[in-house]
Amino acid sequence: MIDLHVHDLREIAVLGAHCDDIAIGLGGTLLSLVASTTIPPRVHAFVLSGEDSRREIEERHALAALCPGADLELTVLDVPDGRAPGYWEAIKTALESFRHTCEPDVVFAPHRGDAHQDHRLLAELVPTVFRDHLVLGYEILKWEADTPHPTIYHPLTRKIAEEKARILLKYYPSQVDHDWFDEQAFLGLSRLRGVQCRRPHAEAFVLEKATLRFGKA
């Protein structure tokens, strides 16, 4: 396993179709990223659905818990859950507006192979807006059998993995009735990804393409 290092992150963008997607896909990465820096990066979050609802309140509290001390900005749209393809133009316009608010060093979004139509549409649009950025596609645990073949792993300690699961269960009470939304499921996936990169736990990402350079920058 080859280690790659991304230093001096000043800003990151995290995008999700639904409130809880970001926390499920990279909650542990956010926790460890903030904990490993003396000055936490500015976090720009963008979510397609849930504006002015209980779900937005949950999202704000959860992201604040996952990014303690960070300068966090959250944009939530009112696209109906499951209907994103019918709002393509509005979503593209909102994404372009969001893009003008930030200059992220890394962009996190759903991966293009996600079976959920809302996740998949967002995954397809993000690279058209963030054209010259490192875009990492995260996985969202759910009942569909669309688990990706990841190419990038972010190792997590067991403590971080457990804290992520605790935050998910505490701050998203509207989701706890789902049969897949429990501590065992979240820790099971992160443990599997940890095994694949020879670490206790990990979160996994899909990197579609990047430029590799040798020598001096």
N, C-alpha and C. Protein backbone atom coordinates (compact mmCIF):
# COMPACT_ATOMS: atom_id res chain seq x y z
N MET A 1 0.85 -1.19 0.00
CA MET A 1 0.00 0.00 0.00
C MET A 1 0.88 1.24 0.00
N ILE A 2 0.72 2.11 -0.98
CA ILE A 2 1.52 3.32 -1.11
C ILE A 2 0.79 4.49 -0.47
N ASP A 3 1.52 5.24 0.37
CA ASP A 3 0.93 6.41 1.03
C ASP A 3 1.06 7.64 0.14
N LEU A 4 -0.02 8.38 0.02
CA LEU A 4 -0.02 9.68 -0.65
C LEU A 4 -0.42 10.73 0.37
N HIS A 5 0.23 11.88 0.34
CA HIS A 5 -0.03 12.91 1.33
C HIS A 5 -0.52 14.19 0.65
N VAL A 6 -1.57 14.77 1.18
CA VAL A 6 -2.07 16.06 0.73
C VAL A 6 -1.89 17.03 1.89
N HIS A 7 -1.00 17.98 1.72
CA HIS A 7 -0.63 18.87 2.81
C HIS A 7 -1.34 20.22 2.72
N ASP A 8 -1.40 20.89 3.88
CA ASP A 8 -1.84 22.28 3.96
C ASP A 8 -3.20 22.51 3.31
N LEU A 9 -4.18 21.74 3.73
CA LEU A 9 -5.54 21.96 3.25
C LEU A 9 -6.11 23.21 3.90
N ARG A 10 -6.49 24.16 3.09
CA ARG A 10 -7.08 25.40 3.59
C ARG A 10 -8.60 25.39 3.47
N GLU A 11 -9.08 24.80 2.38
CA GLU A 11 -10.52 24.72 2.15
C GLU A 11 -10.86 23.36 1.56
N ILE A 12 -12.01 22.82 1.97
CA ILE A 12 -12.53 21.62 1.32
C ILE A 12 -14.01 21.85 1.01
N ALA A 13 -14.48 21.17 -0.01
CA ALA A 13 -15.91 21.21 -0.36
C ALA A 13 -16.46 19.80 -0.20
N VAL A 14 -17.59 19.69 0.49
CA VAL A 14 -18.24 18.39 0.70
C VAL A 14 -19.66 18.51 0.19
N LEU A 15 -20.05 17.62 -0.72
CA LEU A 15 -21.35 17.72 -1.36
C LEU A 15 -22.13 16.42 -1.20
N GLY A 16 -23.42 16.56 -0.92
CA GLY A 16 -24.27 15.39 -0.77
C GLY A 16 -25.65 15.65 -1.34
N ALA A 17 -26.33 14.58 -1.71
CA ALA A 17 -27.69 14.73 -2.22
C ALA A 17 -28.69 14.91 -1.09
N HIS A 18 -28.44 14.23 0.03
CA HIS A 18 -29.37 14.27 1.16
C HIS A 18 -28.63 14.58 2.45
N CYS A 19 -29.34 15.14 3.39
CA CYS A 19 -28.79 15.35 4.72
C CYS A 19 -28.49 13.97 5.32
N ASP A 20 -27.28 13.73 5.65
CA ASP A 20 -26.64 12.53 6.24
C ASP A 20 -25.70 11.84 5.26
N ASP A 21 -25.79 12.13 3.95
CA ASP A 21 -24.89 11.51 2.98
C ASP A 21 -23.43 11.82 3.29
N ILE A 22 -23.15 13.09 3.56
CA ILE A 22 -21.77 13.51 3.83
C ILE A 22 -21.24 12.83 5.09
N ALA A 23 -22.04 12.82 6.13
CA ALA A 23 -21.61 12.21 7.39
C ALA A 23 -21.37 10.71 7.24
N ILE A 24 -22.23 10.04 6.48
CA ILE A 24 -22.06 8.60 6.26
C ILE A 24 -20.82 8.34 5.41
N GLY A 25 -20.63 9.12 4.36
CA GLY A 25 -19.56 8.86 3.41
C GLY A 25 -18.18 9.25 3.89
N LEU A 26 -18.07 10.35 4.64
CA LEU A 26 -16.74 10.80 5.05
C LEU A 26 -16.70 11.43 6.43
N GLY A 27 -17.62 11.02 7.30
CA GLY A 27 -17.62 11.56 8.65
C GLY A 27 -16.33 11.32 9.40
N GLY A 28 -15.77 10.13 9.26
CA GLY A 28 -14.51 9.82 9.92
C GLY A 28 -13.35 10.62 9.35
N THR A 29 -13.37 10.83 8.05
CA THR A 29 -12.34 11.64 7.40
C THR A 29 -12.39 13.08 7.91
N LEU A 30 -13.59 13.62 8.05
CA LEU A 30 -13.72 14.98 8.57
C LEU A 30 -13.19 15.07 10.00
N LEU A 31 -13.57 14.11 10.84
CA LEU A 31 -13.10 14.10 12.23
C LEU A 31 -11.58 14.06 12.31
N SER A 32 -10.97 13.16 11.56
CA SER A 32 -9.51 13.01 11.64
C SER A 32 -8.79 14.17 10.97
N LEU A 33 -9.38 14.72 9.93
CA LEU A 33 -8.77 15.86 9.24
C LEU A 33 -8.71 17.07 10.17
N VAL A 34 -9.80 17.37 10.83
CA VAL A 34 -9.84 18.51 11.74
C VAL A 34 -8.92 18.28 12.93
N ALA A 35 -8.88 17.05 13.44
CA ALA A 35 -8.05 16.74 14.61
C ALA A 35 -6.56 16.81 14.31
N SER A 36 -6.19 16.63 13.05
CA SER A 36 -4.77 16.55 12.69
C SER A 36 -4.16 17.90 12.32
N THR A 37 -4.94 18.96 12.35
CA THR A 37 -4.45 20.27 11.93
C THR A 37 -4.55 21.27 13.07
N THR A 38 -3.59 22.17 13.15
CA THR A 38 -3.65 23.22 14.17
C THR A 38 -4.69 24.27 13.79
N ILE A 39 -4.82 24.51 12.49
CA ILE A 39 -5.85 25.43 11.99
C ILE A 39 -6.77 24.62 11.08
N PRO A 40 -7.98 24.28 11.54
CA PRO A 40 -8.88 23.45 10.72
C PRO A 40 -9.19 24.13 9.39
N PRO A 41 -9.33 23.36 8.33
CA PRO A 41 -9.68 23.94 7.03
C PRO A 41 -11.10 24.49 7.03
N ARG A 42 -11.34 25.43 6.17
CA ARG A 42 -12.70 25.92 5.99
C ARG A 42 -13.50 24.87 5.24
N VAL A 43 -14.69 24.57 5.74
CA VAL A 43 -15.51 23.50 5.17
C VAL A 43 -16.74 24.10 4.50
N HIS A 44 -16.87 23.89 3.20
CA HIS A 44 -18.03 24.35 2.44
C HIS A 44 -18.89 23.13 2.13
N ALA A 45 -20.10 23.10 2.66
CA ALA A 45 -20.98 21.94 2.47
C ALA A 45 -22.18 22.33 1.61
N PHE A 46 -22.60 21.40 0.77
CA PHE A 46 -23.69 21.64 -0.18
C PHE A 46 -24.56 20.38 -0.22
N VAL A 47 -25.87 20.55 0.01
CA VAL A 47 -26.80 19.42 0.04
C VAL A 47 -28.01 19.75 -0.83
N LEU A 48 -28.46 18.79 -1.61
CA LEU A 48 -29.56 19.05 -2.55
C LEU A 48 -30.93 19.18 -1.91
N SER A 49 -31.22 18.39 -0.88
CA SER A 49 -32.59 18.37 -0.36
C SER A 49 -32.63 18.54 1.16
N GLY A 50 -33.75 19.07 1.64
CA GLY A 50 -33.95 19.21 3.08
C GLY A 50 -34.03 20.62 3.60
N GLU A 51 -34.05 21.61 2.71
CA GLU A 51 -34.05 23.01 3.14
C GLU A 51 -35.20 23.32 4.09
N ASP A 52 -34.86 24.05 5.18
CA ASP A 52 -35.86 24.51 6.16
C ASP A 52 -36.68 23.36 6.74
N SER A 53 -36.06 22.24 6.95
CA SER A 53 -36.76 21.08 7.51
C SER A 53 -36.00 20.54 8.72
N ARG A 54 -36.60 19.57 9.37
CA ARG A 54 -35.92 18.88 10.47
C ARG A 54 -34.60 18.27 10.00
N ARG A 55 -34.59 17.82 8.77
CA ARG A 55 -33.38 17.21 8.23
C ARG A 55 -32.23 18.22 8.13
N GLU A 56 -32.54 19.46 7.77
CA GLU A 56 -31.48 20.47 7.72
C GLU A 56 -30.93 20.75 9.11
N ILE A 57 -31.79 20.79 10.10
CA ILE A 57 -31.33 21.00 11.48
C ILE A 57 -30.40 19.87 11.91
N GLU A 58 -30.80 18.64 11.60
CA GLU A 58 -29.95 17.49 11.91
C GLU A 58 -28.59 17.63 11.23
N GLU A 59 -28.61 18.03 9.97
CA GLU A 59 -27.36 18.15 9.21
C GLU A 59 -26.44 19.20 9.81
N ARG A 60 -26.99 20.33 10.18
CA ARG A 60 -26.16 21.39 10.75
C ARG A 60 -25.50 20.94 12.04
N HIS A 61 -26.26 20.27 12.90
CA HIS A 61 -25.70 19.80 14.17
C HIS A 61 -24.66 18.72 13.94
N ALA A 62 -24.93 17.80 13.03
CA ALA A 62 -24.00 16.70 12.77
C ALA A 62 -22.69 17.21 12.18
N LEU A 63 -22.77 18.09 11.19
CA LEU A 63 -21.54 18.60 10.58
C LEU A 63 -20.73 19.43 11.56
N ALA A 64 -21.41 20.16 12.44
CA ALA A 64 -20.69 20.91 13.47
C ALA A 64 -19.94 19.97 14.40
N ALA A 65 -20.55 18.82 14.71
CA ALA A 65 -19.90 17.83 15.57
C ALA A 65 -18.74 17.14 14.86
N LEU A 66 -18.86 16.96 13.55
CA LEU A 66 -17.80 16.31 12.78
C LEU A 66 -16.64 17.25 12.45
N CYS A 67 -16.90 18.56 12.51
CA CYS A 67 -15.87 19.55 12.16
C CYS A 67 -15.69 20.56 13.29
N PRO A 68 -15.39 20.10 14.51
CA PRO A 68 -15.30 21.03 15.64
C PRO A 68 -14.20 22.07 15.43
N GLY A 69 -14.56 23.32 15.60
CA GLY A 69 -13.59 24.40 15.46
C GLY A 69 -13.39 24.89 14.04
N ALA A 70 -13.94 24.20 13.07
CA ALA A 70 -13.77 24.61 11.67
C ALA A 70 -14.77 25.70 11.30
N ASP A 71 -14.39 26.51 10.34
CA ASP A 71 -15.30 27.50 9.77
C ASP A 71 -16.18 26.77 8.77
N LEU A 72 -17.43 26.52 9.16
CA LEU A 72 -18.34 25.68 8.38
C LEU A 72 -19.44 26.51 7.75
N GLU A 73 -19.63 26.34 6.44
CA GLU A 73 -20.73 26.97 5.73
C GLU A 73 -21.56 25.89 5.05
N LEU A 74 -22.86 25.91 5.27
CA LEU A 74 -23.74 24.88 4.73
C LEU A 74 -24.82 25.50 3.85
N THR A 75 -24.95 24.98 2.64
CA THR A 75 -26.02 25.36 1.72
C THR A 75 -26.92 24.16 1.50
N VAL A 76 -28.22 24.31 1.77
CA VAL A 76 -29.18 23.22 1.59
C VAL A 76 -30.27 23.68 0.63
N LEU A 77 -30.50 22.91 -0.43
CA LEU A 77 -31.55 23.22 -1.40
C LEU A 77 -32.84 22.49 -1.04
N ASP A 78 -33.88 22.74 -1.81
CA ASP A 78 -35.19 22.14 -1.54
C ASP A 78 -35.61 21.16 -2.64
N VAL A 79 -34.65 20.51 -3.28
CA VAL A 79 -34.97 19.51 -4.31
C VAL A 79 -35.66 18.32 -3.64
N PRO A 80 -36.81 17.88 -4.13
CA PRO A 80 -37.51 16.74 -3.51
C PRO A 80 -36.66 15.47 -3.54
N ASP A 81 -36.69 14.75 -2.44
CA ASP A 81 -35.93 13.50 -2.33
C ASP A 81 -36.36 12.53 -3.44
N GLY A 82 -35.39 12.00 -4.16
CA GLY A 82 -35.66 11.04 -5.22
C GLY A 82 -36.00 11.65 -6.56
N ARG A 83 -36.06 12.98 -6.65
CA ARG A 83 -36.49 13.65 -7.88
C ARG A 83 -35.39 14.50 -8.52
N ALA A 84 -34.17 14.35 -8.11
CA ALA A 84 -33.10 15.22 -8.61
C ALA A 84 -32.98 15.26 -10.13
N PRO A 85 -33.11 14.13 -10.85
CA PRO A 85 -32.98 14.20 -12.31
C PRO A 85 -33.95 15.18 -12.97
N GLY A 86 -35.11 15.38 -12.37
CA GLY A 86 -36.08 16.31 -12.92
C GLY A 86 -35.75 17.77 -12.63
N TYR A 87 -34.72 18.00 -11.82
CA TYR A 87 -34.32 19.36 -11.45
C TYR A 87 -32.89 19.64 -11.91
N TRP A 88 -32.50 19.01 -13.01
CA TRP A 88 -31.12 19.10 -13.50
C TRP A 88 -30.66 20.55 -13.64
N GLU A 89 -31.43 21.37 -14.31
CA GLU A 89 -31.00 22.74 -14.58
C GLU A 89 -30.86 23.55 -13.30
N ALA A 90 -31.82 23.41 -12.39
CA ALA A 90 -31.76 24.15 -11.13
C ALA A 90 -30.55 23.72 -10.30
N ILE A 91 -30.27 22.42 -10.30
CA ILE A 91 -29.14 21.91 -9.54
C ILE A 91 -27.83 22.40 -10.14
N LYS A 92 -27.72 22.36 -11.46
CA LYS A 92 -26.49 22.83 -12.12
C LYS A 92 -26.26 24.31 -11.82
N THR A 93 -27.32 25.11 -11.85
CA THR A 93 -27.19 26.54 -11.56
C THR A 93 -26.75 26.76 -10.11
N ALA A 94 -27.35 26.01 -9.19
CA ALA A 94 -26.99 26.13 -7.77
C ALA A 94 -25.55 25.70 -7.53
N LEU A 95 -25.13 24.65 -8.21
CA LEU A 95 -23.74 24.19 -8.08
C LEU A 95 -22.76 25.25 -8.58
N GLU A 96 -23.09 25.88 -9.68
CA GLU A 96 -22.22 26.92 -10.22
C GLU A 96 -22.12 28.10 -9.25
N SER A 97 -23.23 28.44 -8.63
CA SER A 97 -23.22 29.52 -7.63
C SER A 97 -22.37 29.12 -6.42
N PHE A 98 -22.53 27.88 -5.99
CA PHE A 98 -21.74 27.36 -4.87
C PHE A 98 -20.25 27.39 -5.20
N ARG A 99 -19.93 27.02 -6.41
CA ARG A 99 -18.53 27.00 -6.84
C ARG A 99 -17.88 28.36 -6.69
N HIS A 100 -18.62 29.42 -6.91
CA HIS A 100 -18.06 30.77 -6.82
C HIS A 100 -17.81 31.20 -5.38
N THR A 101 -18.29 30.44 -4.41
CA THR A 101 -18.11 30.80 -3.00
C THR A 101 -16.86 30.18 -2.39
N CYS A 102 -16.18 29.30 -3.13
CA CYS A 102 -15.07 28.58 -2.52
C CYS A 102 -14.00 28.23 -3.55
N GLU A 103 -12.82 27.95 -3.03
CA GLU A 103 -11.70 27.48 -3.86
C GLU A 103 -11.06 26.30 -3.12
N PRO A 104 -11.74 25.16 -3.13
CA PRO A 104 -11.30 24.04 -2.29
C PRO A 104 -10.05 23.34 -2.81
N ASP A 105 -9.27 22.81 -1.87
CA ASP A 105 -8.11 22.00 -2.23
C ASP A 105 -8.53 20.57 -2.57
N VAL A 106 -9.63 20.11 -1.97
CA VAL A 106 -10.18 18.79 -2.25
C VAL A 106 -11.70 18.90 -2.27
N VAL A 107 -12.33 18.15 -3.18
CA VAL A 107 -13.79 18.10 -3.28
C VAL A 107 -14.23 16.66 -3.01
N PHE A 108 -15.19 16.50 -2.10
CA PHE A 108 -15.78 15.19 -1.81
C PHE A 108 -17.23 15.18 -2.29
N ALA A 109 -17.59 14.15 -3.04
CA ALA A 109 -18.95 14.03 -3.58
C ALA A 109 -19.28 12.54 -3.74
N PRO A 110 -20.53 12.19 -3.99
CA PRO A 110 -20.85 10.78 -4.25
C PRO A 110 -20.07 10.27 -5.46
N HIS A 111 -19.88 8.96 -5.53
CA HIS A 111 -19.18 8.39 -6.69
C HIS A 111 -20.17 8.13 -7.82
N ARG A 112 -19.68 8.13 -9.02
CA ARG A 112 -20.52 8.08 -10.21
C ARG A 112 -21.28 6.76 -10.36
N GLY A 113 -20.82 5.69 -9.73
CA GLY A 113 -21.48 4.40 -9.84
C GLY A 113 -22.56 4.16 -8.82
N ASP A 114 -22.92 5.17 -8.04
CA ASP A 114 -23.96 5.03 -7.01
C ASP A 114 -25.31 4.73 -7.67
N ALA A 115 -26.04 3.78 -7.11
CA ALA A 115 -27.31 3.35 -7.71
C ALA A 115 -28.45 4.33 -7.48
N HIS A 116 -28.35 5.19 -6.47
CA HIS A 116 -29.42 6.14 -6.19
C HIS A 116 -29.37 7.28 -7.19
N GLN A 117 -30.49 7.59 -7.80
CA GLN A 117 -30.50 8.58 -8.88
C GLN A 117 -30.07 9.96 -8.43
N ASP A 118 -30.38 10.35 -7.21
CA ASP A 118 -29.97 11.66 -6.72
C ASP A 118 -28.45 11.72 -6.53
N HIS A 119 -27.90 10.67 -5.92
CA HIS A 119 -26.45 10.61 -5.71
C HIS A 119 -25.73 10.62 -7.05
N ARG A 120 -26.22 9.82 -7.98
CA ARG A 120 -25.56 9.67 -9.27
C ARG A 120 -25.57 10.97 -10.07
N LEU A 121 -26.70 11.68 -10.04
CA LEU A 121 -26.76 12.95 -10.77
C LEU A 121 -25.76 13.95 -10.20
N LEU A 122 -25.69 14.03 -8.89
CA LEU A 122 -24.73 14.96 -8.27
C LEU A 122 -23.30 14.56 -8.64
N ALA A 123 -23.03 13.26 -8.62
CA ALA A 123 -21.69 12.78 -8.98
C ALA A 123 -21.33 13.16 -10.42
N GLU A 124 -22.30 13.14 -11.30
CA GLU A 124 -22.05 13.48 -12.70
C GLU A 124 -21.85 14.97 -12.90
N LEU A 125 -22.53 15.79 -12.09
CA LEU A 125 -22.45 17.24 -12.28
C LEU A 125 -21.23 17.87 -11.61
N VAL A 126 -20.79 17.31 -10.51
CA VAL A 126 -19.69 17.93 -9.76
C VAL A 126 -18.44 18.15 -10.62
N PRO A 127 -17.97 17.17 -11.40
CA PRO A 127 -16.77 17.42 -12.22
C PRO A 127 -16.97 18.46 -13.32
N THR A 128 -18.21 18.75 -13.68
CA THR A 128 -18.45 19.77 -14.70
C THR A 128 -18.35 21.17 -14.12
N VAL A 129 -18.38 21.26 -12.79
CA VAL A 129 -18.28 22.55 -12.12
C VAL A 129 -16.90 22.73 -11.48
N PHE A 130 -16.42 21.67 -10.82
CA PHE A 130 -15.08 21.68 -10.24
C PHE A 130 -14.14 20.97 -11.22
N ARG A 131 -13.77 21.67 -12.27
CA ARG A 131 -13.05 21.05 -13.38
C ARG A 131 -11.56 20.83 -13.11
N ASP A 132 -10.97 21.65 -12.28
CA ASP A 132 -9.52 21.57 -12.04
C ASP A 132 -9.22 21.25 -10.59
N HIS A 133 -10.01 20.37 -10.01
CA HIS A 133 -9.87 20.03 -8.60
C HIS A 133 -9.72 18.53 -8.41
N LEU A 134 -9.13 18.17 -7.28
CA LEU A 134 -9.09 16.77 -6.86
C LEU A 134 -10.48 16.41 -6.33
N VAL A 135 -11.18 15.52 -7.02
CA VAL A 135 -12.53 15.11 -6.64
C VAL A 135 -12.49 13.65 -6.19
N LEU A 136 -12.88 13.40 -4.95
CA LEU A 136 -12.92 12.06 -4.40
C LEU A 136 -14.38 11.64 -4.21
N GLY A 137 -14.74 10.51 -4.79
CA GLY A 137 -16.11 10.01 -4.69
C GLY A 137 -16.27 9.09 -3.50
N TYR A 138 -17.15 9.43 -2.57
CA TYR A 138 -17.35 8.61 -1.37
C TYR A 138 -18.49 7.62 -1.57
N GLU A 139 -18.51 6.61 -0.72
CA GLU A 139 -19.57 5.60 -0.78
C GLU A 139 -20.58 5.84 0.34
N ILE A 140 -21.84 5.54 0.04
CA ILE A 140 -22.93 5.73 1.00
C ILE A 140 -23.55 4.36 1.29
N LEU A 141 -23.42 3.93 2.52
CA LEU A 141 -23.97 2.64 2.93
C LEU A 141 -25.50 2.67 2.83
N LYS A 142 -26.07 1.69 2.13
CA LYS A 142 -27.51 1.58 1.99
C LYS A 142 -27.84 0.19 1.48
N TRP A 143 -29.12 -0.07 1.21
CA TRP A 143 -29.50 -1.44 0.89
C TRP A 143 -29.17 -1.84 -0.55
N GLU A 144 -28.99 -0.87 -1.46
CA GLU A 144 -28.63 -1.22 -2.83
C GLU A 144 -27.25 -1.88 -2.88
N ALA A 145 -27.08 -2.83 -3.76
CA ALA A 145 -25.80 -3.54 -3.90
C ALA A 145 -24.89 -2.81 -4.87
N ASP A 146 -24.51 -1.58 -4.51
CA ASP A 146 -23.69 -0.76 -5.41
C ASP A 146 -22.35 -0.40 -4.79
N THR A 147 -21.88 -1.22 -3.86
CA THR A 147 -20.61 -0.94 -3.21
C THR A 147 -19.50 -0.86 -4.25
N PRO A 148 -18.75 0.25 -4.28
CA PRO A 148 -17.76 0.45 -5.34
C PRO A 148 -16.47 -0.33 -5.09
N HIS A 149 -15.61 -0.34 -6.10
CA HIS A 149 -14.25 -0.84 -5.96
C HIS A 149 -13.36 0.39 -5.75
N PRO A 150 -13.08 0.74 -4.50
CA PRO A 150 -12.38 1.99 -4.23
C PRO A 150 -10.92 1.96 -4.66
N THR A 151 -10.39 3.14 -4.90
CA THR A 151 -8.99 3.28 -5.30
C THR A 151 -8.18 4.08 -4.28
N ILE A 152 -8.87 4.74 -3.36
CA ILE A 152 -8.21 5.56 -2.35
C ILE A 152 -8.81 5.21 -0.98
N TYR A 153 -7.96 5.09 0.03
CA TYR A 153 -8.43 4.81 1.39
C TYR A 153 -7.90 5.87 2.34
N HIS A 154 -8.75 6.28 3.26
CA HIS A 154 -8.30 7.18 4.33
C HIS A 154 -8.39 6.41 5.64
N PRO A 155 -7.25 6.02 6.23
CA PRO A 155 -7.27 5.22 7.46
C PRO A 155 -7.90 5.96 8.63
N LEU A 156 -8.60 5.22 9.47
CA LEU A 156 -9.21 5.75 10.68
C LEU A 156 -8.79 4.90 11.87
N THR A 157 -8.61 5.53 13.01
CA THR A 157 -8.44 4.76 14.23
C THR A 157 -9.79 4.20 14.65
N ARG A 158 -9.77 3.20 15.50
CA ARG A 158 -11.03 2.65 15.99
C ARG A 158 -11.82 3.73 16.74
N LYS A 159 -11.11 4.57 17.47
CA LYS A 159 -11.77 5.64 18.23
C LYS A 159 -12.53 6.58 17.30
N ILE A 160 -11.89 6.96 16.20
CA ILE A 160 -12.54 7.86 15.24
C ILE A 160 -13.74 7.17 14.59
N ALA A 161 -13.59 5.90 14.21
CA ALA A 161 -14.69 5.17 13.59
C ALA A 161 -15.89 5.07 14.54
N GLU A 162 -15.62 4.82 15.80
CA GLU A 162 -16.70 4.72 16.79
C GLU A 162 -17.34 6.08 17.04
N GLU A 163 -16.53 7.14 17.03
CA GLU A 163 -17.08 8.48 17.23
C GLU A 163 -17.97 8.88 16.05
N LYS A 164 -17.57 8.52 14.84
CA LYS A 164 -18.42 8.78 13.68
C LYS A 164 -19.77 8.09 13.83
N ALA A 165 -19.75 6.82 14.20
CA ALA A 165 -21.01 6.07 14.38
C ALA A 165 -21.87 6.70 15.46
N ARG A 166 -21.23 7.15 16.54
CA ARG A 166 -21.97 7.78 17.63
C ARG A 166 -22.65 9.06 17.16
N ILE A 167 -21.93 9.87 16.39
CA ILE A 167 -22.49 11.12 15.88
C ILE A 167 -23.66 10.85 14.93
N LEU A 168 -23.51 9.86 14.07
CA LEU A 168 -24.60 9.52 13.15
C LEU A 168 -25.87 9.15 13.90
N LEU A 169 -25.74 8.33 14.92
CA LEU A 169 -26.92 7.88 15.66
C LEU A 169 -27.50 8.99 16.53
N LYS A 170 -26.66 9.87 17.02
CA LYS A 170 -27.13 10.95 17.89
C LYS A 170 -27.82 12.07 17.11
N TYR A 171 -27.24 12.46 15.99
CA TYR A 171 -27.69 13.67 15.31
C TYR A 171 -28.66 13.43 14.15
N TYR A 172 -28.89 12.17 13.80
CA TYR A 172 -29.87 11.87 12.75
C TYR A 172 -30.97 10.95 13.28
N PRO A 173 -31.72 11.40 14.28
CA PRO A 173 -32.77 10.55 14.85
C PRO A 173 -33.85 10.18 13.84
N SER A 174 -34.03 10.99 12.80
CA SER A 174 -35.05 10.68 11.79
C SER A 174 -34.69 9.45 10.97
N GLN A 175 -33.45 8.99 11.05
CA GLN A 175 -33.00 7.88 10.22
C GLN A 175 -32.83 6.56 10.96
N VAL A 176 -32.95 6.57 12.27
CA VAL A 176 -32.60 5.38 13.05
C VAL A 176 -33.55 4.21 12.84
N ASP A 177 -34.72 4.46 12.27
CA ASP A 177 -35.65 3.35 12.01
C ASP A 177 -35.26 2.53 10.78
N HIS A 178 -34.36 3.04 9.96
CA HIS A 178 -33.89 2.27 8.81
C HIS A 178 -33.09 1.07 9.31
N ASP A 179 -33.32 -0.10 8.72
CA ASP A 179 -32.67 -1.30 9.23
C ASP A 179 -31.17 -1.34 8.97
N TRP A 180 -30.67 -0.45 8.12
CA TRP A 180 -29.23 -0.41 7.85
C TRP A 180 -28.51 0.69 8.62
N PHE A 181 -29.28 1.52 9.33
CA PHE A 181 -28.70 2.68 10.00
C PHE A 181 -28.39 2.32 11.45
N ASP A 182 -27.29 1.62 11.68
CA ASP A 182 -26.92 1.27 13.05
C ASP A 182 -25.41 1.18 13.17
N GLU A 183 -24.95 1.12 14.39
CA GLU A 183 -23.51 1.13 14.67
C GLU A 183 -22.80 -0.05 14.02
N GLN A 184 -23.39 -1.24 14.09
CA GLN A 184 -22.75 -2.42 13.52
C GLN A 184 -22.50 -2.26 12.02
N ALA A 185 -23.48 -1.69 11.32
CA ALA A 185 -23.32 -1.52 9.87
C ALA A 185 -22.20 -0.53 9.55
N PHE A 186 -22.19 0.60 10.25
CA PHE A 186 -21.16 1.61 9.97
C PHE A 186 -19.77 1.10 10.31
N LEU A 187 -19.64 0.46 11.47
CA LEU A 187 -18.33 -0.06 11.87
C LEU A 187 -17.92 -1.25 11.01
N GLY A 188 -18.91 -2.03 10.56
CA GLY A 188 -18.59 -3.16 9.69
C GLY A 188 -17.97 -2.72 8.38
N LEU A 189 -18.55 -1.68 7.77
CA LEU A 189 -18.01 -1.19 6.50
C LEU A 189 -16.63 -0.57 6.70
N SER A 190 -16.48 0.24 7.74
CA SER A 190 -15.17 0.88 7.95
C SER A 190 -14.11 -0.14 8.33
N ARG A 191 -14.51 -1.22 9.01
CA ARG A 191 -13.55 -2.28 9.33
C ARG A 191 -13.12 -3.01 8.05
N LEU A 192 -14.09 -3.28 7.17
CA LEU A 192 -13.77 -3.92 5.89
C LEU A 192 -12.79 -3.06 5.09
N ARG A 193 -13.06 -1.77 5.00
CA ARG A 193 -12.16 -0.89 4.26
C ARG A 193 -10.81 -0.80 4.95
N GLY A 194 -10.80 -0.91 6.27
CA GLY A 194 -9.54 -0.93 6.99
C GLY A 194 -8.71 -2.16 6.66
N VAL A 195 -9.37 -3.31 6.59
CA VAL A 195 -8.67 -4.54 6.21
C VAL A 195 -8.03 -4.39 4.84
N GLN A 196 -8.74 -3.74 3.92
CA GLN A 196 -8.24 -3.60 2.55
C GLN A 196 -7.02 -2.70 2.44
N CYS A 197 -6.81 -1.83 3.44
CA CYS A 197 -5.61 -0.98 3.42
C CYS A 197 -4.71 -1.25 4.62
N ARG A 198 -4.97 -2.38 5.31
CA ARG A 198 -4.15 -2.83 6.43
C ARG A 198 -4.11 -1.82 7.56
N ARG A 199 -5.29 -1.34 7.91
CA ARG A 199 -5.46 -0.42 9.03
C ARG A 199 -6.66 -0.90 9.85
N PRO A 200 -6.84 -0.39 11.09
CA PRO A 200 -7.98 -0.82 11.89
C PRO A 200 -9.32 -0.52 11.21
N HIS A 201 -9.47 0.69 10.71
CA HIS A 201 -10.68 1.12 10.01
C HIS A 201 -10.27 2.08 8.90
N ALA A 202 -11.18 2.36 7.99
CA ALA A 202 -10.90 3.32 6.92
C ALA A 202 -12.20 3.73 6.25
N GLU A 203 -12.15 4.86 5.56
CA GLU A 203 -13.19 5.24 4.62
C GLU A 203 -12.57 5.18 3.23
N ALA A 204 -13.38 4.77 2.26
CA ALA A 204 -12.86 4.52 0.92
C ALA A 204 -13.46 5.49 -0.10
N PHE A 205 -12.68 5.80 -1.12
CA PHE A 205 -13.09 6.77 -2.13
C PHE A 205 -12.70 6.27 -3.52
N VAL A 206 -13.41 6.80 -4.49
CA VAL A 206 -13.12 6.51 -5.89
C VAL A 206 -12.50 7.75 -6.53
N LEU A 207 -11.33 7.58 -7.09
CA LEU A 207 -10.67 8.67 -7.81
C LEU A 207 -10.71 8.34 -9.29
N GLU A 208 -11.47 9.14 -10.05
CA GLU A 208 -11.63 8.84 -11.48
C GLU A 208 -10.37 9.11 -12.28
N LYS A 209 -9.74 10.24 -12.03
CA LYS A 209 -8.50 10.53 -12.76
C LYS A 209 -7.72 11.63 -12.04
N ALA A 210 -6.41 11.59 -12.23
CA ALA A 210 -5.53 12.59 -11.64
C ALA A 210 -4.24 12.62 -12.45
N THR A 211 -3.52 13.70 -12.34
CA THR A 211 -2.23 13.83 -13.01
C THR A 211 -1.11 13.55 -12.02
N LEU A 212 -0.19 12.69 -12.40
CA LEU A 212 0.95 12.34 -11.55
C LEU A 212 2.20 13.00 -12.10
N ARG A 213 2.92 13.72 -11.23
CA ARG A 213 4.15 14.38 -11.64
C ARG A 213 5.29 13.95 -10.74
N PHE A 214 6.46 13.78 -11.31
CA PHE A 214 7.66 13.44 -10.56
C PHE A 214 8.61 14.63 -10.56
N GLY A 215 9.42 14.71 -9.52
CA GLY A 215 10.38 15.80 -9.45
C GLY A 215 9.80 17.03 -8.79
N LYS A 216 10.41 18.17 -9.01
CA LYS A 216 9.99 19.41 -8.38
C LYS A 216 8.68 19.90 -8.97
N ALA A 217 7.88 20.52 -8.10
CA ALA A 217 6.59 21.05 -8.55
C ALA A 217 6.81 22.26 -9.45
